[in-house]
C-alpha atoms as a PDB file:
ATOM      1  CA  MET A   1      20.582 -12.884  10.873  1.00  0.00           C
ATOM      2  CA  TRP A   2      18.733 -11.611   7.953  1.00  0.00           C
ATOM      3  CA  LEU A   3      15.403 -10.737   9.253  1.00  0.00           C
ATOM      4  CA  VAL A   4      12.982 -10.103   6.435  1.00  0.00           C
ATOM      5  CA  LYS A   5       9.901  -8.053   6.500  1.00  0.00           C
ATOM      6  CA  GLU A   6       6.840 -10.223   6.141  1.00  0.00           C
ATOM      7  CA  GLY A   7       6.629 -11.114   2.474  1.00  0.00           C
ATOM      8  CA  VAL A   8       3.698 -11.255   0.142  1.00  0.00           C
ATOM      9  CA  VAL A   9       2.502 -14.770  -0.635  1.00  0.00           C
ATOM     10  CA  PRO A  10      -0.532 -15.048  -2.909  1.00  0.00           C
ATOM     11  CA  SER A  11      -3.508 -16.795  -1.481  1.00  0.00           C
ATOM     12  CA  SER A  12      -3.646 -18.842  -4.672  1.00  0.00           C
ATOM     13  CA  SER A  13      -1.159 -21.295  -3.157  1.00  0.00           C
ATOM     14  CA  PHE A  14      -3.667 -22.164  -0.464  1.00  0.00           C
ATOM     15  CA  ARG A  15      -6.517 -22.344  -2.894  1.00  0.00           C
ATOM     16  CA  LEU A  16      -4.507 -24.786  -4.974  1.00  0.00           C
ATOM     17  CA  SER A  17      -3.905 -26.982  -1.941  1.00  0.00           C
ATOM     18  CA  LYS A  18      -7.628 -27.141  -1.291  1.00  0.00           C
ATOM     19  CA  THR A  19      -8.302 -28.295  -4.859  1.00  0.00           C
ATOM     20  CA  ALA A  20      -5.406 -30.749  -5.031  1.00  0.00           C
ATOM     21  CA  SER A  21      -6.050 -34.176  -6.509  1.00  0.00           C
ATOM     22  CA  PRO A  22      -6.883 -37.094  -4.216  1.00  0.00           C
ATOM     23  CA  ALA A  23      -3.456 -38.511  -5.056  1.00  0.00           C
ATOM     24  CA  SER A  24      -1.820 -35.661  -3.186  1.00  0.00           C
ATOM     25  CA  THR A  25      -0.240 -37.257  -0.111  1.00  0.00           C
ATOM     26  CA  PRO A  26      -0.200 -35.746   3.390  1.00  0.00           C
ATOM     27  CA  MET A  27       3.596 -35.531   3.131  1.00  0.00           C
ATOM     28  CA  ARG A  28       3.415 -33.476  -0.051  1.00  0.00           C
ATOM     29  CA  ARG A  29       0.846 -31.178   1.503  1.00  0.00           C
ATOM     30  CA  LYS A  30       3.050 -30.738   4.569  1.00  0.00           C
ATOM     31  CA  VAL A  31       6.113 -29.935   2.440  1.00  0.00           C
ATOM     32  CA  SER A  32       4.045 -27.452   0.456  1.00  0.00           C
ATOM     33  CA  ALA A  33       2.930 -25.761   3.683  1.00  0.00           C
ATOM     34  CA  TRP A  34       6.524 -25.472   4.904  1.00  0.00           C
ATOM     35  CA  ILE A  35       7.668 -23.967   1.625  1.00  0.00           C
ATOM     36  CA  GLU A  36       4.876 -21.426   1.935  1.00  0.00           C
ATOM     37  CA  LEU A  37       5.861 -20.699   5.540  1.00  0.00           C
ATOM     38  CA  LEU A  38       9.534 -20.125   4.683  1.00  0.00           C
ATOM     39  CA  LYS A  39       8.604 -17.817   1.752  1.00  0.00           C
ATOM     40  CA  PRO A  40      11.415 -18.508  -0.756  1.00  0.00           C
ATOM     41  CA  VAL A  41      10.621 -15.337  -2.709  1.00  0.00           C
ATOM     42  CA  THR A  42      11.890 -13.277   0.244  1.00  0.00           C
ATOM     43  CA  TRP A  43      15.269 -15.019   0.310  1.00  0.00           C
ATOM     44  CA  ILE A  44      16.515 -13.459  -2.907  1.00  0.00           C
ATOM     45  CA  PRO A  45      17.267  -9.886  -1.718  1.00  0.00           C
ATOM     46  CA  ILE A  46      19.088 -11.162   1.366  1.00  0.00           C
ATOM     47  CA  MET A  47      21.151 -13.550  -0.733  1.00  0.00           C
ATOM     48  CA  CYS A  48      21.933 -10.616  -3.016  1.00  0.00           C
ATOM     49  CA  ALA A  49      23.184  -8.609  -0.032  1.00  0.00           C
ATOM     50  CA  TYR A  50      25.555 -11.468   0.810  1.00  0.00           C
ATOM     51  CA  VAL A  51      26.852 -11.433  -2.767  1.00  0.00           C
ATOM     52  CA  ALA A  52      27.218  -7.635  -2.616  1.00  0.00           C
ATOM     53  CA  GLY A  53      29.390  -7.988   0.463  1.00  0.00           C
ATOM     54  CA  ALA A  54      31.512 -10.577  -1.319  1.00  0.00           C
ATOM     55  CA  LEU A  55      31.873  -8.266  -4.333  1.00  0.00           C
ATOM     56  CA  CYS A  56      33.408  -5.599  -2.093  1.00  0.00           C
ATOM     57  CA  SER A  57      36.383  -7.871  -1.583  1.00  0.00           C
ATOM     58  CA  ALA A  58      39.197  -7.770  -4.102  1.00  0.00           C
ATOM     59  CA  LYS A  59      39.644 -11.458  -3.347  1.00  0.00           C
ATOM     60  CA  PHE A  60      36.312 -12.255  -4.998  1.00  0.00           C
ATOM     61  CA  THR A  61      37.002 -13.200  -8.620  1.00  0.00           C
ATOM     62  CA  THR A  62      35.327 -15.212 -11.341  1.00  0.00           C
ATOM     63  CA  ALA A  63      36.952 -18.280  -9.801  1.00  0.00           C
ATOM     64  CA  SER A  64      34.992 -17.525  -6.622  1.00  0.00           C
ATOM     65  CA  LEU A  65      31.819 -18.558  -8.439  1.00  0.00           C
ATOM     66  CA  ALA A  66      32.875 -22.118  -7.687  1.00  0.00           C
ATOM     67  CA  ASP A  67      33.969 -21.347  -4.129  1.00  0.00           C
ATOM     68  CA  TRP A  68      32.102 -23.322  -1.461  1.00  0.00           C
ATOM     69  CA  ARG A  69      31.955 -20.178   0.747  1.00  0.00           C
ATOM     70  CA  LEU A  70      29.770 -18.469  -1.831  1.00  0.00           C
ATOM     71  CA  TRP A  71      27.291 -21.327  -2.142  1.00  0.00           C
ATOM     72  CA  LEU A  72      27.163 -22.212   1.533  1.00  0.00           C
ATOM     73  CA  GLY A  73      26.690 -18.508   2.271  1.00  0.00           C
ATOM     74  CA  LEU A  74      23.753 -18.364  -0.133  1.00  0.00           C
ATOM     75  CA  VAL A  75      22.155 -21.390   1.536  1.00  0.00           C
ATOM     76  CA  MET A  76      22.781 -19.861   4.951  1.00  0.00           C
ATOM     77  CA  SER A  77      21.389 -16.443   4.048  1.00  0.00           C
ATOM     78  CA  GLY A  78      18.416 -17.816   2.130  1.00  0.00           C
ATOM     79  CA  PRO A  79      16.777 -21.094   3.179  1.00  0.00           C
ATOM     80  CA  LEU A  80      18.355 -21.244   6.628  1.00  0.00           C
ATOM     81  CA  ILE A  81      18.312 -17.942   8.449  1.00  0.00           C
ATOM     82  CA  SER A  82      15.870 -16.061   6.238  1.00  0.00           C
ATOM     83  CA  GLY A  83      13.563 -19.045   6.431  1.00  0.00           C
ATOM     84  CA  THR A  84      14.057 -19.108  10.206  1.00  0.00           C
ATOM     85  CA  CYS A  85      13.048 -15.486  10.558  1.00  0.00           C
ATOM     86  CA  GLN A  86      10.078 -15.818   8.217  1.00  0.00           C
ATOM     87  CA  ALA A  87       8.786 -18.808  10.186  1.00  0.00           C
ATOM     88  CA  MET A  88       9.422 -16.989  13.458  1.00  0.00           C
ATOM     89  CA  ASN A  89       7.522 -13.955  12.193  1.00  0.00           C
ATOM     90  CA  ASP A  90       4.538 -16.105  11.216  1.00  0.00           C
ATOM     91  CA  TYR A  91       4.664 -17.922  14.555  1.00  0.00           C
ATOM     92  CA  PHE A  92       4.439 -14.736  16.615  1.00  0.00           C
ATOM     93  CA  ASP A  93       2.077 -12.990  14.176  1.00  0.00           C
ATOM     94  CA  ARG A  94      -0.450 -15.799  13.932  1.00  0.00           C
ATOM     95  CA  ASP A  95      -3.133 -13.637  15.577  1.00  0.00           C
ATOM     96  CA  VAL A  96      -2.600 -10.857  13.039  1.00  0.00           C
ATOM     97  CA  ASP A  97      -2.431 -13.325  10.144  1.00  0.00           C
ATOM     98  CA  ALA A  98      -5.716 -14.857  11.306  1.00  0.00           C
ATOM     99  CA  ILE A  99      -7.250 -11.504  10.331  1.00  0.00           C
ATOM    100  CA  ASN A 100      -5.151 -10.424   7.355  1.00  0.00           C
ATOM    101  CA  GLU A 101      -4.114 -13.762   5.844  1.00  0.00           C
ATOM    102  CA  PRO A 102      -6.083 -16.660   7.410  1.00  0.00           C
ATOM    103  CA  TYR A 103      -4.854 -18.988   4.650  1.00  0.00           C
ATOM    104  CA  ARG A 104      -1.239 -18.825   5.992  1.00  0.00           C
ATOM    105  CA  PRO A 105       0.095 -22.231   7.149  1.00  0.00           C
ATOM    106  CA  ILE A 106      -0.087 -21.620  10.923  1.00  0.00           C
ATOM    107  CA  PRO A 107      -3.480 -19.877  11.310  1.00  0.00           C
ATOM    108  CA  SER A 108      -5.006 -22.321   8.806  1.00  0.00           C
ATOM    109  CA  GLY A 109      -3.749 -25.251  10.912  1.00  0.00           C
ATOM    110  CA  ARG A 110      -1.643 -26.823   8.168  1.00  0.00           C
ATOM    111  CA  ILE A 111       1.409 -26.435  10.421  1.00  0.00           C
ATOM    112  CA  SER A 112       0.908 -26.851  14.170  1.00  0.00           C
ATOM    113  CA  LEU A 113       2.622 -24.674  16.761  1.00  0.00           C
ATOM    114  CA  ARG A 114       4.693 -27.663  17.894  1.00  0.00           C
ATOM    115  CA  GLU A 115       5.848 -28.366  14.338  1.00  0.00           C
ATOM    116  CA  ALA A 116       6.724 -24.708  13.847  1.00  0.00           C
ATOM    117  CA  THR A 117       8.729 -24.634  17.084  1.00  0.00           C
ATOM    118  CA  LEU A 118      10.725 -27.742  16.153  1.00  0.00           C
ATOM    119  CA  GLY A 119      11.324 -26.483  12.627  1.00  0.00           C
ATOM    120  CA  ILE A 120      12.524 -23.068  13.778  1.00  0.00           C
ATOM    121  CA  SER A 121      14.871 -24.677  16.304  1.00  0.00           C
ATOM    122  CA  LEU A 122      16.358 -26.962  13.650  1.00  0.00           C
ATOM    123  CA  LEU A 123      16.874 -24.086  11.202  1.00  0.00           C
ATOM    124  CA  CYS A 124      18.557 -21.991  13.903  1.00  0.00           C
ATOM    125  CA  GLY A 125      20.988 -24.803  14.667  1.00  0.00           C
ATOM    126  CA  LEU A 126      21.846 -25.383  11.001  1.00  0.00           C
ATOM    127  CA  THR A 127      22.341 -21.642  10.522  1.00  0.00           C
ATOM    128  CA  LEU A 128      24.931 -21.437  13.287  1.00  0.00           C
ATOM    129  CA  VAL A 129      26.805 -24.473  11.947  1.00  0.00           C
ATOM    130  CA  ALA A 130      26.920 -23.007   8.419  1.00  0.00           C
ATOM    131  CA  ALA A 131      28.017 -19.606   9.757  1.00  0.00           C
ATOM    132  CA  TYR A 132      30.883 -21.157  11.720  1.00  0.00           C
ATOM    133  CA  LEU A 133      32.105 -23.138   8.709  1.00  0.00           C
ATOM    134  CA  ILE A 134      32.307 -19.961   6.602  1.00  0.00           C
ATOM    135  CA  HIS A 135      33.909 -17.703   9.230  1.00  0.00           C
ATOM    136  CA  PRO A 136      33.676 -17.799  13.048  1.00  0.00           C
ATOM    137  CA  TRP A 137      32.729 -14.122  13.284  1.00  0.00           C
ATOM    138  CA  ILE A 138      29.658 -14.723  11.129  1.00  0.00           C
ATOM    139  CA  VAL A 139      28.229 -16.741  14.020  1.00  0.00           C
ATOM    140  CA  ALA A 140      27.976 -13.499  16.019  1.00  0.00           C
ATOM    141  CA  LEU A 141      26.158 -11.816  13.128  1.00  0.00           C
ATOM    142  CA  ALA A 142      23.794 -14.781  12.886  1.00  0.00           C
ATOM    143  CA  VAL A 143      22.969 -14.588  16.585  1.00  0.00           C
ATOM    144  CA  ILE A 144      22.285 -10.847  16.269  1.00  0.00           C
ATOM    145  CA  GLY A 145      19.922 -11.509  13.378  1.00  0.00           C
ATOM    146  CA  ILE A 146      18.022 -14.234  15.219  1.00  0.00           C
ATOM    147  CA  VAL A 147      17.679 -12.013  18.296  1.00  0.00           C
ATOM    148  CA  ASN A 148      16.456  -9.181  16.070  1.00  0.00           C
ATOM    149  CA  ALA A 149      13.842 -11.491  14.571  1.00  0.00           C
ATOM    150  CA  HIS A 150      12.578 -12.369  18.024  1.00  0.00           C
ATOM    151  CA  LEU A 151      12.501  -8.756  19.228  1.00  0.00           C
ATOM    152  CA  TYR A 152      10.735  -7.684  16.047  1.00  0.00           C
ATOM    153  CA  SER A 153       7.829 -10.106  16.300  1.00  0.00           C
ATOM    154  CA  ALA A 154       7.523 -11.396  19.860  1.00  0.00           C
ATOM    155  CA  LYS A 155       5.656  -9.861  22.758  1.00  0.00           C
ATOM    156  CA  PRO A 156       6.072  -7.923  24.969  1.00  0.00           C
ATOM    157  CA  ILE A 157       8.658  -5.884  23.017  1.00  0.00           C
ATOM    158  CA  LYS A 158       7.411  -6.499  19.451  1.00  0.00           C
ATOM    159  CA  LEU A 159       9.464  -3.789  17.748  1.00  0.00           C
ATOM    160  CA  LYS A 160       7.182  -3.818  14.712  1.00  0.00           C
ATOM    161  CA  ARG A 161       4.650  -1.918  16.833  1.00  0.00           C
ATOM    162  CA  ILE A 162       6.999   1.074  17.017  1.00  0.00           C
ATOM    163  CA  VAL A 163       6.922   3.253  13.920  1.00  0.00           C
ATOM    164  CA  TRP A 164      10.305   3.404  12.128  1.00  0.00           C
ATOM    165  CA  VAL A 165      12.032   1.205  14.738  1.00  0.00           C
ATOM    166  CA  GLY A 166      10.572  -2.032  13.407  1.00  0.00           C
ATOM    167  CA  ASN A 167      11.469  -1.338   9.790  1.00  0.00           C
ATOM    168  CA  ALA A 168      14.934  -0.110  10.816  1.00  0.00           C
ATOM    169  CA  THR A 169      15.559  -3.344  12.728  1.00  0.00           C
ATOM    170  CA  VAL A 170      14.445  -5.392   9.758  1.00  0.00           C
ATOM    171  CA  ALA A 171      16.500  -3.373   7.287  1.00  0.00           C
ATOM    172  CA  ALA A 172      19.681  -3.696   9.332  1.00  0.00           C
ATOM    173  CA  SER A 173      19.272  -7.466   9.386  1.00  0.00           C
ATOM    174  CA  TYR A 174      18.041  -7.503   5.795  1.00  0.00           C
ATOM    175  CA  ILE A 175      21.038  -5.668   4.296  1.00  0.00           C
ATOM    176  CA  LEU A 176      23.848  -4.877   6.711  1.00  0.00           C
ATOM    177  CA  LEU A 177      24.355  -8.274   8.360  1.00  0.00           C
ATOM    178  CA  PRO A 178      24.496 -10.367   5.158  1.00  0.00           C
ATOM    179  CA  TRP A 179      26.636  -7.689   3.491  1.00  0.00           C
ATOM    180  CA  MET A 180      29.156  -7.853   6.336  1.00  0.00           C
ATOM    181  CA  SER A 181      29.023 -11.653   6.229  1.00  0.00           C
ATOM    182  CA  GLY A 182      29.826 -11.763   2.518  1.00  0.00           C
ATOM    183  CA  GLU A 183      32.814  -9.484   3.019  1.00  0.00           C
ATOM    184  CA  LEU A 184      34.023 -11.517   5.997  1.00  0.00           C
ATOM    185  CA  ALA A 185      33.736 -14.732   4.016  1.00  0.00           C
ATOM    186  CA  PHE A 186      36.136 -13.628   1.296  1.00  0.00           C
ATOM    187  CA  LYS A 187      38.201 -10.860   2.878  1.00  0.00           C
ATOM    188  CA  GLY A 188      38.358 -11.963   6.495  1.00  0.00           C
ATOM    189  CA  GLN A 189      37.604  -8.442   7.719  1.00  0.00           C
ATOM    190  CA  ILE A 190      35.094  -5.623   7.288  1.00  0.00           C
ATOM    191  CA  SER A 191      35.975  -2.271   5.682  1.00  0.00           C
ATOM    192  CA  TRP A 192      34.451   1.009   6.813  1.00  0.00           C
ATOM    193  CA  THR A 193      33.791   2.197   3.263  1.00  0.00           C
ATOM    194  CA  ALA A 194      31.835  -0.924   2.359  1.00  0.00           C
ATOM    195  CA  THR A 195      29.907  -0.699   5.618  1.00  0.00           C
ATOM    196  CA  ALA A 196      29.019   2.943   4.940  1.00  0.00           C
ATOM    197  CA  VAL A 197      27.600   2.018   1.525  1.00  0.00           C
ATOM    198  CA  ALA A 198      25.664  -0.841   3.112  1.00  0.00           C
ATOM    199  CA  VAL A 199      24.177   1.564   5.673  1.00  0.00           C
ATOM    200  CA  CYS A 200      22.900   3.726   2.796  1.00  0.00           C
ATOM    201  CA  TYR A 201      21.042   0.714   1.464  1.00  0.00           C
ATOM    202  CA  VAL A 202      19.751  -0.056   4.936  1.00  0.00           C
ATOM    203  CA  ILE A 203      18.110   3.390   4.858  1.00  0.00           C
ATOM    204  CA  ALA A 204      16.695   2.662   1.410  1.00  0.00           C
ATOM    205  CA  SER A 205      15.309  -0.654   2.645  1.00  0.00           C
ATOM    206  CA  ILE A 206      13.520   1.060   5.535  1.00  0.00           C
ATOM    207  CA  GLY A 207      11.489   2.909   2.935  1.00  0.00           C
ATOM    208  CA  SER A 208      11.104  -0.110   0.687  1.00  0.00           C
ATOM    209  CA  MET A 209       9.668  -2.222   3.466  1.00  0.00           C
ATOM    210  CA  THR A 210       6.919   0.314   4.033  1.00  0.00           C
ATOM    211  CA  THR A 211       5.205  -1.014   0.906  1.00  0.00           C
ATOM    212  CA  ASN A 212       4.519  -4.295   2.730  1.00  0.00           C
ATOM    213  CA  ASP A 213       2.537  -2.467   5.419  1.00  0.00           C
ATOM    214  CA  PHE A 214      -0.288  -1.542   3.064  1.00  0.00           C
ATOM    215  CA  LYS A 215      -1.556  -5.122   2.772  1.00  0.00           C
ATOM    216  CA  SER A 216      -2.002  -5.487   6.550  1.00  0.00           C
ATOM    217  CA  LEU A 217      -3.882  -2.324   7.499  1.00  0.00           C
ATOM    218  CA  GLU A 218      -6.885  -4.015   9.109  1.00  0.00           C
ATOM    219  CA  GLY A 219      -4.936  -6.472  11.246  1.00  0.00           C
ATOM    220  CA  ASP A 220      -2.298  -3.891  12.205  1.00  0.00           C
ATOM    221  CA  ALA A 221      -5.008  -1.493  13.361  1.00  0.00           C
ATOM    222  CA  ARG A 222      -6.643  -4.142  15.576  1.00  0.00           C
ATOM    223  CA  MET A 223      -3.311  -5.210  17.088  1.00  0.00           C
ATOM    224  CA  ALA A 224      -2.012  -1.648  17.616  1.00  0.00           C
ATOM    225  CA  ILE A 225       0.955  -2.132  15.281  1.00  0.00           C
ATOM    226  CA  HIS A 226       2.122   1.374  14.407  1.00  0.00           C
ATOM    227  CA  THR A 227       3.283   1.172  10.819  1.00  0.00           C
ATOM    228  CA  LEU A 228       3.808   4.281   8.693  1.00  0.00           C
ATOM    229  CA  PRO A 229       0.386   4.095   6.983  1.00  0.00           C
ATOM    230  CA  GLN A 230      -1.257   3.523  10.365  1.00  0.00           C
ATOM    231  CA  VAL A 231       0.421   6.525  11.995  1.00  0.00           C
ATOM    232  CA  PHE A 232       0.582   8.994   9.099  1.00  0.00           C
ATOM    233  CA  GLY A 233      -2.267   7.767   6.925  1.00  0.00           C
ATOM    234  CA  VAL A 234      -2.124   5.808   3.687  1.00  0.00           C
ATOM    235  CA  ARG A 235      -1.215   8.676   1.380  1.00  0.00           C
ATOM    236  CA  ARG A 236       1.351  10.362   3.611  1.00  0.00           C
ATOM    237  CA  GLY A 237       2.845   7.035   4.682  1.00  0.00           C
ATOM    238  CA  ALA A 238       3.381   6.090   1.045  1.00  0.00           C
ATOM    239  CA  TRP A 239       5.124   9.385   0.306  1.00  0.00           C
ATOM    240  CA  LEU A 240       7.352   9.064   3.379  1.00  0.00           C
ATOM    241  CA  GLY A 241       8.328   5.520   2.434  1.00  0.00           C
ATOM    242  CA  VAL A 242       9.206   6.532  -1.124  1.00  0.00           C
ATOM    243  CA  PHE A 243      11.206   9.522   0.122  1.00  0.00           C
ATOM    244  CA  VAL A 244      13.326   7.384   2.470  1.00  0.00           C
ATOM    245  CA  LEU A 245      13.757   4.722  -0.209  1.00  0.00           C
ATOM    246  CA  ASN A 246      15.120   7.191  -2.739  1.00  0.00           C
ATOM    247  CA  ALA A 247      17.148   9.150  -0.183  1.00  0.00           C
ATOM    248  CA  GLY A 248      19.107   6.065   0.849  1.00  0.00           C
ATOM    249  CA  GLN A 249      20.025   5.173  -2.719  1.00  0.00           C
ATOM    250  CA  LEU A 250      20.999   8.730  -3.599  1.00  0.00           C
ATOM    251  CA  ALA A 251      23.086   8.868  -0.420  1.00  0.00           C
ATOM    252  CA  ALA A 252      25.007   5.827  -1.681  1.00  0.00           C
ATOM    253  CA  ALA A 253      25.594   7.580  -5.001  1.00  0.00           C
ATOM    254  CA  GLY A 254      26.719  10.713  -3.156  1.00  0.00           C
ATOM    255  CA  LEU A 255      29.135   8.710  -1.021  1.00  0.00           C
ATOM    256  CA  LEU A 256      30.700   7.190  -4.123  1.00  0.00           C
ATOM    257  CA  ALA A 257      31.042  10.673  -5.622  1.00  0.00           C
ATOM    258  CA  THR A 258      32.919  11.911  -2.547  1.00  0.00           C
ATOM    259  CA  LEU A 259      35.293   8.969  -3.015  1.00  0.00           C
ATOM    260  CA  GLY A 260      35.989  10.167  -6.548  1.00  0.00           C
ATOM    261  CA  GLU A 261      33.996   7.392  -8.235  1.00  0.00           C
ATOM    262  CA  TRP A 262      31.858   9.735 -10.319  1.00  0.00           C
ATOM    263  CA  GLY A 263      31.067   7.210 -13.036  1.00  0.00           C
ATOM    264  CA  TRP A 264      29.862   4.610 -10.563  1.00  0.00           C
ATOM    265  CA  ALA A 265      27.944   7.278  -8.670  1.00  0.00           C
ATOM    266  CA  GLY A 266      26.114   8.186 -11.878  1.00  0.00           C
ATOM    267  CA  LEU A 267      25.206   4.569 -12.565  1.00  0.00           C
ATOM    268  CA  VAL A 268      23.921   4.024  -9.035  1.00  0.00           C
ATOM    269  CA  GLY A 269      21.896   7.230  -9.206  1.00  0.00           C
ATOM    270  CA  ALA A 270      20.482   6.182 -12.580  1.00  0.00           C
ATOM    271  CA  THR A 271      18.929   3.049 -11.055  1.00  0.00           C
ATOM    272  CA  VAL A 272      16.625   5.322  -9.054  1.00  0.00           C
ATOM    273  CA  LEU A 273      15.006   6.763 -12.202  1.00  0.00           C
ATOM    274  CA  PRO A 274      13.013   3.683 -13.277  1.00  0.00           C
ATOM    275  CA  GLN A 275      11.942   3.215  -9.662  1.00  0.00           C
ATOM    276  CA  MET A 276      10.549   6.738  -9.657  1.00  0.00           C
ATOM    277  CA  TRP A 277       8.535   5.876 -12.744  1.00  0.00           C
ATOM    278  CA  PHE A 278       6.911   2.941 -10.968  1.00  0.00           C
ATOM    279  CA  GLN A 279       6.478   5.033  -7.819  1.00  0.00           C
ATOM    280  CA  ARG A 280       4.073   7.319  -9.677  1.00  0.00           C
ATOM    281  CA  THR A 281       1.621   4.443 -10.054  1.00  0.00           C
ATOM    282  CA  PHE A 282       2.203   3.230  -6.496  1.00  0.00           C
ATOM    283  CA  LEU A 283       1.594   6.666  -4.962  1.00  0.00           C
ATOM    284  CA  ALA A 284      -1.682   6.998  -6.862  1.00  0.00           C
ATOM    285  CA  ASP A 285      -2.994   3.775  -5.255  1.00  0.00           C
ATOM    286  CA  PRO A 286      -0.711   2.582  -2.410  1.00  0.00           C
ATOM    287  CA  ILE A 287      -3.012  -0.214  -1.227  1.00  0.00           C
ATOM    288  CA  GLY A 288      -3.865  -1.609  -4.642  1.00  0.00           C
ATOM    289  CA  LYS A 289      -0.398  -1.259  -6.176  1.00  0.00           C
ATOM    290  CA  ALA A 290       1.937  -2.200  -3.299  1.00  0.00           C
ATOM    291  CA  VAL A 291       2.514  -5.770  -4.521  1.00  0.00           C
ATOM    292  CA  TRP A 292       2.719  -4.571  -8.128  1.00  0.00           C
ATOM    293  CA  TYR A 293       5.343  -1.993  -7.188  1.00  0.00           C
ATOM    294  CA  ASN A 294       7.534  -4.529  -5.393  1.00  0.00           C
ATOM    295  CA  ALA A 295       7.403  -6.882  -8.358  1.00  0.00           C
ATOM    296  CA  HIS A 296       8.443  -4.191 -10.844  1.00  0.00           C
ATOM    297  CA  ALA A 297      10.854  -1.944  -8.940  1.00  0.00           C
ATOM    298  CA  GLN A 298      12.827  -4.100  -6.510  1.00  0.00           C
ATOM    299  CA  GLY A 299      15.161  -5.370  -9.219  1.00  0.00           C
ATOM    300  CA  PHE A 300      16.514  -1.871  -9.800  1.00  0.00           C
ATOM    301  CA  LEU A 301      17.187  -1.436  -6.083  1.00  0.00           C
ATOM    302  CA  VAL A 302      19.196  -4.675  -6.072  1.00  0.00           C
ATOM    303  CA  LEU A 303      21.026  -3.641  -9.261  1.00  0.00           C
ATOM    304  CA  GLY A 304      22.075  -0.364  -7.636  1.00  0.00           C
ATOM    305  CA  MET A 305      23.318  -2.288  -4.605  1.00  0.00           C
ATOM    306  CA  PHE A 306      25.503  -4.505  -6.804  1.00  0.00           C
ATOM    307  CA  LEU A 307      26.886  -1.506  -8.679  1.00  0.00           C
ATOM    308  CA  ALA A 308      27.706   0.303  -5.422  1.00  0.00           C
ATOM    309  CA  ALA A 309      29.444  -2.808  -4.055  1.00  0.00           C
ATOM    310  CA  TRP A 310      31.540  -3.148  -7.192  1.00  0.00           C
ATOM    311  CA  ALA A 311      32.398   0.564  -7.016  1.00  0.00           C
ATOM    312  CA  VAL A 312      33.756   0.090  -3.492  1.00  0.00           C
ATOM    313  CA  ARG A 313      35.870  -2.764  -4.812  1.00  0.00           C
ATOM    314  CA  ALA A 314      37.125  -0.536  -7.632  1.00  0.00           C
END
């Protein structure tokens, strides 16, 4: 379910594999390639969205920290389905990665197409089993997310080629589906107020994901993938992405204010301020500072999401 925009994985991991000691076994190299393919760093925000959904439920307490539904949900939203979608994205984008990131596991040949197909199939199956064990309705959300991942990356549709549509599809799977799953796991139903807050963060994520497009300009141009920087130019695309990112978070704060939660609204709005500080550097050099911006600012976006979820609970 939780389709993730193609993450940033330093090429140093590949360089290390090339300089590994002779004692490094083929099995270890294969495991290393799979870890790189599944991109664990991209699991964290999706797992956080699952926790945010759980926080919306009054039934989530400190005792829930030991609840198997929390931990199985984190495994499902991280290694299983997020890993599935990351591998699927690399599988269908291997021609683009051969230009932008030739050191990735599939274009470099460290993982064959057959191995990738079998691995993706296995992860899909495990995802559906985990979803059913937590709550039967989560299976439907998982299927939607897997379908979204396919539509996003695979030809002939390849939604990532359509400006705004691709990022919107990713963001919905990235935030809304795990959020709804977390609430279903502990509450057994989905509330409209929590969903409305989640939608605000979906909007914010559409803008946030734009920062990933600046590292793939050459390959996207050759493959006719219409990202914001491709369509509007680097400078204007960066400004549009930042505007949407901030607008979504401020919309969440505004929604909380209309519900009478002025204190929580102020806290959520305050998390935007440090992001704006980092955005100044990013906007001055979108291509050079995209990775730097994600590393420094994403934590405040996640913090705001947690605060908004707890405000809905309150």
